[in-house]
Amino acid sequence: MELKRVVVTGIGAITPLGNSAEETWQKMLDGVSGAGPITRFDTSLFKTKFACEVKDFKPADFGIDRKEARKMDIYCQYALASAIQGIKDCGIDLDKANKDRIGVVYGVGIGGMNTFEEEVCNWNQTGSTLGPKFSPFFIPKMIADICTGHISIMYGFHGPNFITSSACASSSNALAEAFNLIRLGKADMIVSGGSESAILPSGVGGFNAMHALSTRNDDPQGASRPFSASRDGFVMAEGSACLILEELEHAKARGAKIYAEMAGAGMSADAHHLTATHPEGLGAMLVMKNALEDAEMQPEDIDYINVHGTSTPVGDISEAKAIKNLFGEHAYKLNISSTKSMTGHLLGAAGAIEAMASVLAVQNDIVPPTINHDDEDRDEEIDYNMNFTFNTAQKRTVRAAMSNTFGFGGHNACVIFKKYTE
């Protein structure tokens, strides 16, 4: 069976850097941090008092009915807004489209955590006297898969519809699933991406208990500093991103603009630890190798890697080792960057926003930077002869870009995009 080719024809984003793909991308190129003091709750008793929050988000700005928005957790509102943008950007005439062959696949690591916390806190306050009293929308707002349901209902898409949930690898796995559905002929188009919103007491408190978050409270914008010696944990973030993946001939038949071609995807497991990456990056090396094999590409074909790069002490070292060991001498010819230094860590949505950045790097021949690095702040376990694109975006030909995401539980996912040619 000959596999079909898959291209990216639309993008959308709600991120700490902006409520569109265009604004987010420009802020990335400018090296802007989305971090600041948490506004959602009182952080006086928390170790970490900052995060990368989405700003000035109003569902109505994206055509989401106010009454319908009240039935959605904030993560779901973000997902729907990113999908609305992506579908509009791809320019498809939905009146002529075969909606039986258009699906929705998103990655969500946690889901309706805000709804869960709110409802359970309300129960703790009133349950002993009033008995069980929960909103009838509690369950449909909370469950992680409901965002793809809302998107399909809004547009009448009858194709494959589900989420993937693999912690911080969730939306890269979603893109991989969407990619495979299309190239196997199961769909013509998939609205794919990821969404997450966990900046709330249980989210921040839970990650603080694990010592996973940065506590650089005096310098929130400088807190996410991947590959620097003074890194002390990741910066919590929220938001959503959407990529419209489409079968090539279907896209060409309707005259769609094409951002890039999706070339391959890989998956692996560390099988090492519940939360820590393998210290030698064995799972990371395997997932990149698997993605290259799937794309029928060689290491030398990659020009840019958007790394997982969370700014954690162990994770950054293991990923740098994996790249060096897999790519050999070509590792020194790559551009490497962590856009998490600007967006923070979007958890289940990280893969989608970083895939979008990879697509735009391929399209525009420019690599966004890894900000917050000082040349004096060097980790002796990291080889700085590799180009981590510190502090300033760099122009170069980007024939192909790879995006890595790794999740708690040892889940690894990698996707590859390349320039589209006939």
Protein backbone atom coordinates (compact mmCIF):
# COMPACT_ATOMS: atom_id res chain seq x y z
CA MET A 1 0.00 0.00 0.00
CA GLU A 2 1.39 3.38 -0.99
CA LEU A 3 1.22 5.86 1.87
CA LYS A 4 -0.32 9.24 1.14
CA ARG A 5 1.57 12.47 1.71
CA VAL A 6 0.46 14.81 4.50
CA VAL A 7 0.85 18.59 4.56
CA VAL A 8 0.11 21.40 7.01
CA THR A 9 -2.45 23.84 5.60
CA GLY A 10 -3.58 25.82 8.64
CA ILE A 11 -2.40 26.91 12.09
CA GLY A 12 -3.91 28.56 15.16
CA ALA A 13 -2.72 29.30 18.67
CA ILE A 14 -3.68 30.61 22.10
CA THR A 15 -0.46 30.98 24.11
CA PRO A 16 1.18 33.07 26.82
CA LEU A 17 2.81 35.05 23.99
CA GLY A 18 -0.37 35.92 22.13
CA ASN A 19 -3.83 34.81 21.12
CA SER A 20 -2.90 33.98 17.53
CA ALA A 21 -0.24 32.00 15.71
CA GLU A 22 1.13 35.17 14.12
CA GLU A 23 1.59 37.04 17.40
CA THR A 24 3.04 33.98 19.12
CA TRP A 25 5.55 33.41 16.34
CA GLN A 26 6.67 37.04 16.25
CA LYS A 27 7.17 37.10 20.03
CA MET A 28 9.24 33.91 19.74
CA LEU A 29 11.47 35.50 17.13
CA ASP A 30 11.81 38.59 19.31
CA GLY A 31 12.82 36.49 22.31
CA VAL A 32 9.95 37.60 24.54
CA SER A 33 9.06 35.72 27.73
CA GLY A 34 5.41 35.12 28.58
CA ALA A 35 6.09 34.68 32.31
CA GLY A 36 4.75 36.86 35.09
CA PRO A 37 3.15 36.73 38.56
CA ILE A 38 0.19 34.35 38.81
CA THR A 39 -3.11 36.25 38.75
CA ARG A 40 -5.51 33.28 39.06
CA PHE A 41 -5.17 32.68 42.81
CA ASP A 42 -3.36 33.85 45.94
CA THR A 43 0.17 32.42 45.79
CA SER A 44 1.40 33.74 49.15
CA LEU A 45 1.73 30.23 50.60
CA PHE A 46 3.20 28.65 47.44
CA LYS A 47 6.85 28.10 46.64
CA THR A 48 6.31 29.23 43.04
CA LYS A 49 4.40 32.47 42.51
CA PHE A 50 4.65 32.90 38.73
CA ALA A 51 3.70 31.16 35.51
CA CYS A 52 3.11 31.78 31.81
CA GLU A 53 -0.59 32.62 31.74
CA VAL A 54 -2.70 33.27 28.65
CA LYS A 55 -3.64 36.95 28.66
CA ASP A 56 -6.76 38.85 27.57
CA PHE A 57 -8.54 35.74 26.34
CA LYS A 58 -12.25 36.20 25.60
CA PRO A 59 -14.13 33.29 24.00
CA ALA A 60 -16.48 35.70 22.25
CA ASP A 61 -13.52 37.10 20.28
CA PHE A 62 -13.41 33.77 18.46
CA GLY A 63 -17.12 33.42 17.88
CA ILE A 64 -17.73 31.12 20.85
CA ASP A 65 -21.21 31.71 22.26
CA ARG A 66 -21.18 32.91 25.86
CA LYS A 67 -23.76 30.34 26.95
CA GLU A 68 -21.76 27.53 25.32
CA ALA A 69 -18.51 28.78 26.86
CA ARG A 70 -19.98 28.36 30.34
CA LYS A 71 -20.30 24.63 29.61
CA MET A 72 -16.56 24.37 28.91
CA ASP A 73 -13.50 24.20 31.13
CA ILE A 74 -10.91 26.84 30.19
CA TYR A 75 -8.67 24.21 28.54
CA CYS A 76 -11.59 23.36 26.24
CA GLN A 77 -12.21 27.03 25.40
CA TYR A 78 -8.54 27.34 24.41
CA ALA A 79 -8.77 24.20 22.25
CA LEU A 80 -11.88 25.41 20.45
CA ALA A 81 -10.37 28.86 19.85
CA SER A 82 -7.17 27.40 18.38
CA ALA A 83 -9.21 25.08 16.12
CA ILE A 84 -11.40 27.96 14.93
CA GLN A 85 -8.27 29.86 13.94
CA GLY A 86 -6.69 26.87 12.22
CA ILE A 87 -9.82 26.00 10.22
CA LYS A 88 -10.21 29.61 9.12
CA ASP A 89 -6.53 29.80 8.18
CA CYS A 90 -6.67 26.66 6.02
CA GLY A 91 -9.33 28.30 3.82
CA ILE A 92 -11.49 25.22 3.28
CA ASP A 93 -15.02 25.72 1.97
CA LEU A 94 -16.96 23.68 4.52
CA ASP A 95 -20.12 23.81 2.44
CA LYS A 96 -18.34 21.74 -0.21
CA ALA A 97 -16.21 19.55 2.08
CA ASN A 98 -16.90 15.89 2.80
CA LYS A 99 -17.23 16.20 6.57
CA ASP A 100 -17.35 12.42 6.96
CA ARG A 101 -13.62 12.48 6.15
CA ILE A 102 -12.59 15.34 8.42
CA GLY A 103 -11.59 14.39 11.97
CA VAL A 104 -10.35 15.97 15.19
CA VAL A 105 -7.44 14.61 17.24
CA TYR A 106 -6.02 16.66 20.12
CA GLY A 107 -3.51 15.92 22.86
CA VAL A 108 -4.53 16.70 26.44
CA GLY A 109 -2.40 15.76 29.42
CA ILE A 110 -4.75 16.63 32.28
CA GLY A 111 -7.96 18.15 30.94
CA GLY A 112 -10.60 19.89 33.05
CA MET A 113 -8.55 20.29 36.20
CA ASN A 114 -10.03 23.73 36.93
CA THR A 115 -13.54 22.29 36.87
CA PHE A 116 -12.56 19.34 39.04
CA GLU A 117 -10.91 21.53 41.68
CA GLU A 118 -13.79 23.99 41.75
CA GLU A 119 -16.48 21.33 42.08
CA VAL A 120 -14.66 19.31 44.72
CA CYS A 121 -13.85 22.43 46.78
CA ASN A 122 -17.52 23.41 46.61
CA TRP A 123 -18.46 19.90 47.78
CA ASN A 124 -16.03 20.07 50.71
CA GLN A 125 -17.60 23.36 51.81
CA THR A 126 -21.25 22.36 51.49
CA GLY A 127 -21.46 18.59 51.12
CA SER A 128 -21.67 17.72 54.80
CA THR A 129 -24.85 19.75 55.23
CA LEU A 130 -26.49 19.70 51.81
CA GLY A 131 -25.51 16.29 50.53
CA PRO A 132 -23.98 15.71 47.06
CA LYS A 133 -24.58 18.80 44.96
CA PHE A 134 -22.62 19.02 41.73
CA SER A 135 -23.19 20.91 38.52
CA PRO A 136 -24.82 18.82 35.77
CA PHE A 137 -21.95 20.02 33.60
CA PHE A 138 -19.28 18.80 36.04
CA ILE A 139 -18.42 15.61 34.18
CA PRO A 140 -18.77 16.90 30.59
CA LYS A 141 -16.64 19.95 31.49
CA MET A 142 -13.98 17.90 33.26
CA ILE A 143 -13.27 14.96 30.96
CA ALA A 144 -10.20 15.38 28.81
CA ASP A 145 -11.75 14.19 25.55
CA ILE A 146 -14.58 16.70 25.48
CA CYS A 147 -12.61 19.35 23.57
CA THR A 148 -12.59 17.28 20.38
CA GLY A 149 -16.30 16.69 20.85
CA HIS A 150 -16.97 20.44 20.98
CA ILE A 151 -14.88 21.05 17.84
CA SER A 152 -16.63 18.33 15.86
CA ILE A 153 -20.07 19.49 17.01
CA MET A 154 -19.37 23.10 16.01
CA TYR A 155 -18.39 22.09 12.47
CA GLY A 156 -20.22 18.82 11.93
CA PHE A 157 -17.03 16.80 11.41
CA HIS A 158 -17.86 13.07 11.43
CA GLY A 159 -14.35 11.68 10.94
CA PRO A 160 -12.06 10.13 13.61
CA ASN A 161 -12.48 11.98 16.90
CA PHE A 162 -10.46 11.40 20.06
CA ILE A 163 -7.66 12.67 22.27
CA THR A 164 -4.28 11.24 23.14
CA SER A 165 -3.03 11.55 26.71
CA SER A 166 0.63 10.86 27.41
CA ALA A 167 1.54 13.69 29.79
CA CYS A 168 3.81 16.24 28.11
CA ALA A 169 4.08 14.12 24.95
CA SER A 170 0.29 14.20 24.45
CA SER A 171 -0.06 16.58 21.52
CA SER A 172 2.94 15.22 19.65
CA ASN A 173 1.26 11.82 19.91
CA ALA A 174 -1.94 13.47 18.63
CA LEU A 175 -0.12 14.82 15.59
CA ALA A 176 1.43 11.40 14.98
CA GLU A 177 -1.99 9.72 15.16
CA ALA A 178 -3.54 12.29 12.84
CA PHE A 179 -0.63 11.90 10.43
CA ASN A 180 -1.05 8.14 10.31
CA LEU A 181 -4.83 8.32 9.82
CA ILE A 182 -4.38 10.53 6.78
CA ARG A 183 -1.51 8.69 5.16
CA LEU A 184 -3.38 5.41 5.58
CA GLY A 185 -6.36 6.91 3.77
CA LYS A 186 -8.72 6.97 6.77
CA ALA A 187 -9.32 10.74 6.54
CA ASP A 188 -8.69 13.66 4.18
CA MET A 189 -8.11 16.23 6.90
CA ILE A 190 -7.53 16.17 10.66
CA VAL A 191 -7.83 19.18 12.95
CA SER A 192 -5.00 18.33 15.32
CA GLY A 193 -3.15 19.94 18.21
CA GLY A 194 -3.22 20.13 21.97
CA SER A 195 -4.62 22.11 24.87
CA GLU A 196 -3.97 22.47 28.59
CA SER A 197 -4.71 24.77 31.53
CA ALA A 198 -3.42 23.77 34.96
CA ILE A 199 -2.35 27.07 36.53
CA LEU A 200 -4.40 26.62 39.68
CA PRO A 201 -3.61 25.74 43.31
CA SER A 202 -3.62 21.95 42.84
CA GLY A 203 -1.55 22.20 39.65
CA VAL A 204 1.13 24.51 41.00
CA GLY A 205 1.08 22.92 44.45
CA GLY A 206 1.37 19.43 43.00
CA PHE A 207 4.33 20.24 40.79
CA ASN A 208 5.95 22.19 43.66
CA ALA A 209 5.67 19.09 45.84
CA MET A 210 7.70 17.23 43.20
CA HIS A 211 10.31 20.03 43.10
CA ALA A 212 9.62 20.29 39.36
CA LEU A 213 8.92 24.04 39.07
CA SER A 214 11.34 26.93 39.09
CA THR A 215 11.16 29.07 42.24
CA ARG A 216 12.94 32.07 40.74
CA ASN A 217 10.20 34.35 42.04
CA ASP A 218 12.35 37.48 41.83
CA ASP A 219 12.84 37.03 38.06
CA PRO A 220 9.88 35.24 36.43
CA GLN A 221 10.83 36.21 32.87
CA GLY A 222 14.33 34.83 33.37
CA ALA A 223 13.24 31.65 35.13
CA SER A 224 12.97 29.33 32.12
CA ARG A 225 16.62 28.95 31.11
CA PRO A 226 17.16 25.66 29.29
CA PHE A 227 20.75 24.41 29.05
CA SER A 228 22.05 26.97 31.55
CA ALA A 229 23.74 25.81 34.75
CA SER A 230 21.45 27.86 37.01
CA ARG A 231 18.21 26.27 35.71
CA ASP A 232 16.05 25.11 38.60
CA GLY A 233 12.87 23.69 37.05
CA PHE A 234 10.25 24.42 34.44
CA VAL A 235 7.78 27.31 34.29
CA MET A 236 4.13 26.27 34.22
CA ALA A 237 2.23 27.47 31.15
CA GLU A 238 -1.16 27.08 29.51
CA GLY A 239 -2.75 27.42 26.10
CA SER A 240 -3.46 25.56 22.89
CA ALA A 241 -2.22 25.20 19.34
CA CYS A 242 -3.78 23.70 16.23
CA LEU A 243 -2.28 22.31 13.04
CA ILE A 244 -4.54 21.39 10.14
CA LEU A 245 -3.08 18.23 8.64
CA GLU A 246 -4.34 17.37 5.17
CA GLU A 247 -3.78 14.78 2.48
CA LEU A 248 -1.66 16.38 -0.23
CA GLU A 249 -3.90 15.73 -3.25
CA HIS A 250 -6.93 16.91 -1.30
CA ALA A 251 -5.10 20.14 -0.43
CA LYS A 252 -3.92 20.67 -4.00
CA ALA A 253 -7.38 20.07 -5.42
CA ARG A 254 -8.80 22.97 -3.45
CA GLY A 255 -5.78 25.25 -4.01
CA ALA A 256 -4.74 25.33 -0.36
CA LYS A 257 -1.61 27.10 0.80
CA ILE A 258 0.92 24.66 2.20
CA TYR A 259 3.14 25.58 5.14
CA ALA A 260 5.22 22.40 5.16
CA GLU A 261 4.99 18.65 4.73
CA MET A 262 4.80 16.33 7.72
CA ALA A 263 7.45 13.74 7.01
CA GLY A 264 7.42 11.31 9.91
CA ALA A 265 6.78 10.57 13.56
CA GLY A 266 8.38 8.37 16.17
CA MET A 267 7.54 7.07 19.63
CA SER A 268 9.44 5.31 22.39
CA ALA A 269 9.50 4.69 26.14
CA ASP A 270 12.32 5.35 28.59
CA ALA A 271 11.18 2.44 30.81
CA HIS A 272 13.33 4.04 33.48
CA HIS A 273 11.53 6.26 36.03
CA LEU A 274 8.08 7.71 36.69
CA THR A 275 9.16 11.33 36.20
CA ALA A 276 12.86 11.51 35.29
CA THR A 277 14.30 10.98 31.82
CA HIS A 278 16.97 8.34 31.31
CA PRO A 279 20.26 10.01 32.33
CA GLU A 280 21.96 8.99 29.09
CA GLY A 281 18.96 9.94 26.95
CA LEU A 282 18.43 6.42 25.61
CA GLY A 283 14.68 6.84 25.10
CA ALA A 284 15.19 10.28 23.58
CA MET A 285 17.78 8.93 21.17
CA LEU A 286 15.50 6.04 20.18
CA VAL A 287 12.46 8.25 19.52
CA MET A 288 14.46 10.55 17.22
CA LYS A 289 15.90 7.52 15.43
CA ASN A 290 12.40 6.08 14.99
CA ALA A 291 11.09 9.37 13.59
CA LEU A 292 13.95 9.58 11.09
CA GLU A 293 13.33 6.02 9.95
CA ASP A 294 9.61 6.71 9.58
CA ALA A 295 10.38 9.78 7.47
CA GLU A 296 12.99 7.83 5.44
CA MET A 297 15.51 10.53 6.32
CA GLN A 298 19.08 10.59 7.58
CA PRO A 299 20.34 12.65 10.54
CA GLU A 300 22.10 14.94 8.06
CA ASP A 301 18.71 15.91 6.56
CA ILE A 302 17.67 17.74 9.76
CA ASP A 303 18.63 21.39 10.16
CA TYR A 304 16.71 22.33 13.32
CA ILE A 305 15.55 20.56 16.46
CA ASN A 306 12.93 22.18 18.67
CA VAL A 307 13.92 20.33 21.81
CA HIS A 308 11.84 19.35 24.82
CA GLY A 309 14.26 21.54 26.82
CA THR A 310 12.18 22.15 29.94
CA SER A 311 14.91 23.85 32.02
CA THR A 312 15.12 20.97 34.49
CA PRO A 313 18.50 19.86 35.87
CA VAL A 314 18.40 16.26 34.58
CA GLY A 315 16.22 16.54 31.49
CA ASP A 316 18.27 19.11 29.59
CA ILE A 317 21.48 17.13 30.02
CA SER A 318 19.98 13.84 28.87
CA GLU A 319 18.42 15.41 25.75
CA ALA A 320 21.67 17.14 24.80
CA LYS A 321 23.50 13.82 25.17
CA ALA A 322 20.90 12.05 23.03
CA ILE A 323 21.28 14.57 20.21
CA LYS A 324 25.06 14.40 20.32
CA ASN A 325 25.11 10.58 20.32
CA LEU A 326 22.54 10.16 17.54
CA PHE A 327 23.62 12.94 15.20
CA GLY A 328 27.38 12.61 15.66
CA GLU A 329 29.34 15.30 13.82
CA HIS A 330 26.12 16.67 12.34
CA ALA A 331 25.06 17.66 15.86
CA TYR A 332 27.43 20.61 15.50
CA LYS A 333 25.78 21.75 12.26
CA LEU A 334 22.25 21.80 13.68
CA ASN A 335 20.38 24.65 15.22
CA ILE A 336 18.81 23.59 18.50
CA SER A 337 16.41 25.69 20.53
CA SER A 338 13.87 25.45 23.32
CA THR A 339 10.90 27.74 22.77
CA LYS A 340 9.82 26.79 26.32
CA SER A 341 12.30 29.45 27.42
CA MET A 342 9.64 31.90 26.16
CA THR A 343 6.30 30.09 26.30
CA GLY A 344 6.95 28.11 29.45
CA HIS A 345 5.88 24.47 29.55
CA LEU A 346 2.35 23.93 28.20
CA LEU A 347 2.29 20.33 29.47
CA GLY A 348 -0.05 18.36 27.17
CA ALA A 349 -0.15 21.24 24.69
CA ALA A 350 3.64 21.62 24.48
CA GLY A 351 4.07 19.38 21.44
CA ALA A 352 1.49 21.29 19.40
CA ILE A 353 2.91 24.76 19.99
CA GLU A 354 6.46 23.49 19.39
CA ALA A 355 5.39 21.66 16.23
CA MET A 356 3.87 24.93 15.03
CA ALA A 357 7.17 26.71 15.72
CA SER A 358 9.00 23.98 13.78
CA VAL A 359 6.64 24.34 10.81
CA LEU A 360 7.12 28.10 10.75
CA ALA A 361 10.89 27.71 11.02
CA VAL A 362 10.79 25.48 7.92
CA GLN A 363 8.54 27.89 6.07
CA ASN A 364 10.46 31.06 6.95
CA ASP A 365 14.07 29.79 7.21
CA ILE A 366 14.61 31.23 10.67
CA VAL A 367 15.13 29.52 14.03
CA PRO A 368 13.61 30.99 17.22
CA PRO A 369 16.03 31.36 20.12
CA THR A 370 16.62 29.80 23.52
CA ILE A 371 16.52 32.88 25.74
CA ASN A 372 17.88 33.63 29.23
CA HIS A 373 21.38 32.27 28.68
CA ASP A 374 24.56 33.93 29.95
CA ASP A 375 27.88 32.66 28.60
CA GLU A 376 29.19 32.54 32.17
CA ASP A 377 26.29 30.28 33.20
CA ARG A 378 27.52 27.02 31.71
CA ASP A 379 26.89 23.44 32.76
CA GLU A 380 30.02 21.29 32.51
CA GLU A 381 27.91 18.31 31.38
CA ILE A 382 26.59 20.09 28.27
CA ASP A 383 28.63 20.44 25.06
CA TYR A 384 28.30 24.11 24.08
CA ASN A 385 29.96 23.48 20.74
CA MET A 386 26.44 22.54 19.72
CA ASN A 387 24.40 25.55 18.60
CA PHE A 388 21.58 26.11 21.11
CA THR A 389 20.57 29.35 19.33
CA PHE A 390 21.05 31.31 22.52
CA ASN A 391 19.21 34.61 22.96
CA THR A 392 18.82 35.65 19.31
CA ALA A 393 16.88 34.11 16.41
CA GLN A 394 19.11 32.89 13.59
CA LYS A 395 18.39 32.90 9.88
CA ARG A 396 19.38 29.76 7.99
CA THR A 397 17.95 27.37 5.46
CA VAL A 398 15.72 24.93 7.35
CA ARG A 399 15.09 21.98 5.03
CA ALA A 400 13.60 19.93 7.83
CA ALA A 401 12.83 20.39 11.52
CA MET A 402 12.32 17.89 14.30
CA SER A 403 10.28 18.49 17.46
CA ASN A 404 10.80 16.45 20.64
CA THR A 405 8.40 15.99 23.55
CA PHE A 406 8.89 13.75 26.58
CA GLY A 407 6.31 13.02 29.28
CA PHE A 408 6.11 11.68 32.82
CA GLY A 409 5.95 7.91 32.64
CA GLY A 410 8.78 7.84 30.12
CA HIS A 411 6.58 8.66 27.10
CA ASN A 412 8.59 10.06 24.18
CA ALA A 413 7.25 11.43 20.90
CA CYS A 414 8.99 13.11 17.98
CA VAL A 415 7.58 14.65 14.80
CA ILE A 416 9.38 15.86 11.66
CA PHE A 417 8.36 18.52 9.16
CA LYS A 418 10.12 19.39 5.91
CA LYS A 419 9.79 21.86 3.07
CA TYR A 420 7.05 20.90 0.67
CA THR A 421 8.17 20.16 -2.89
CA GLU A 422 6.24 18.59 -5.74
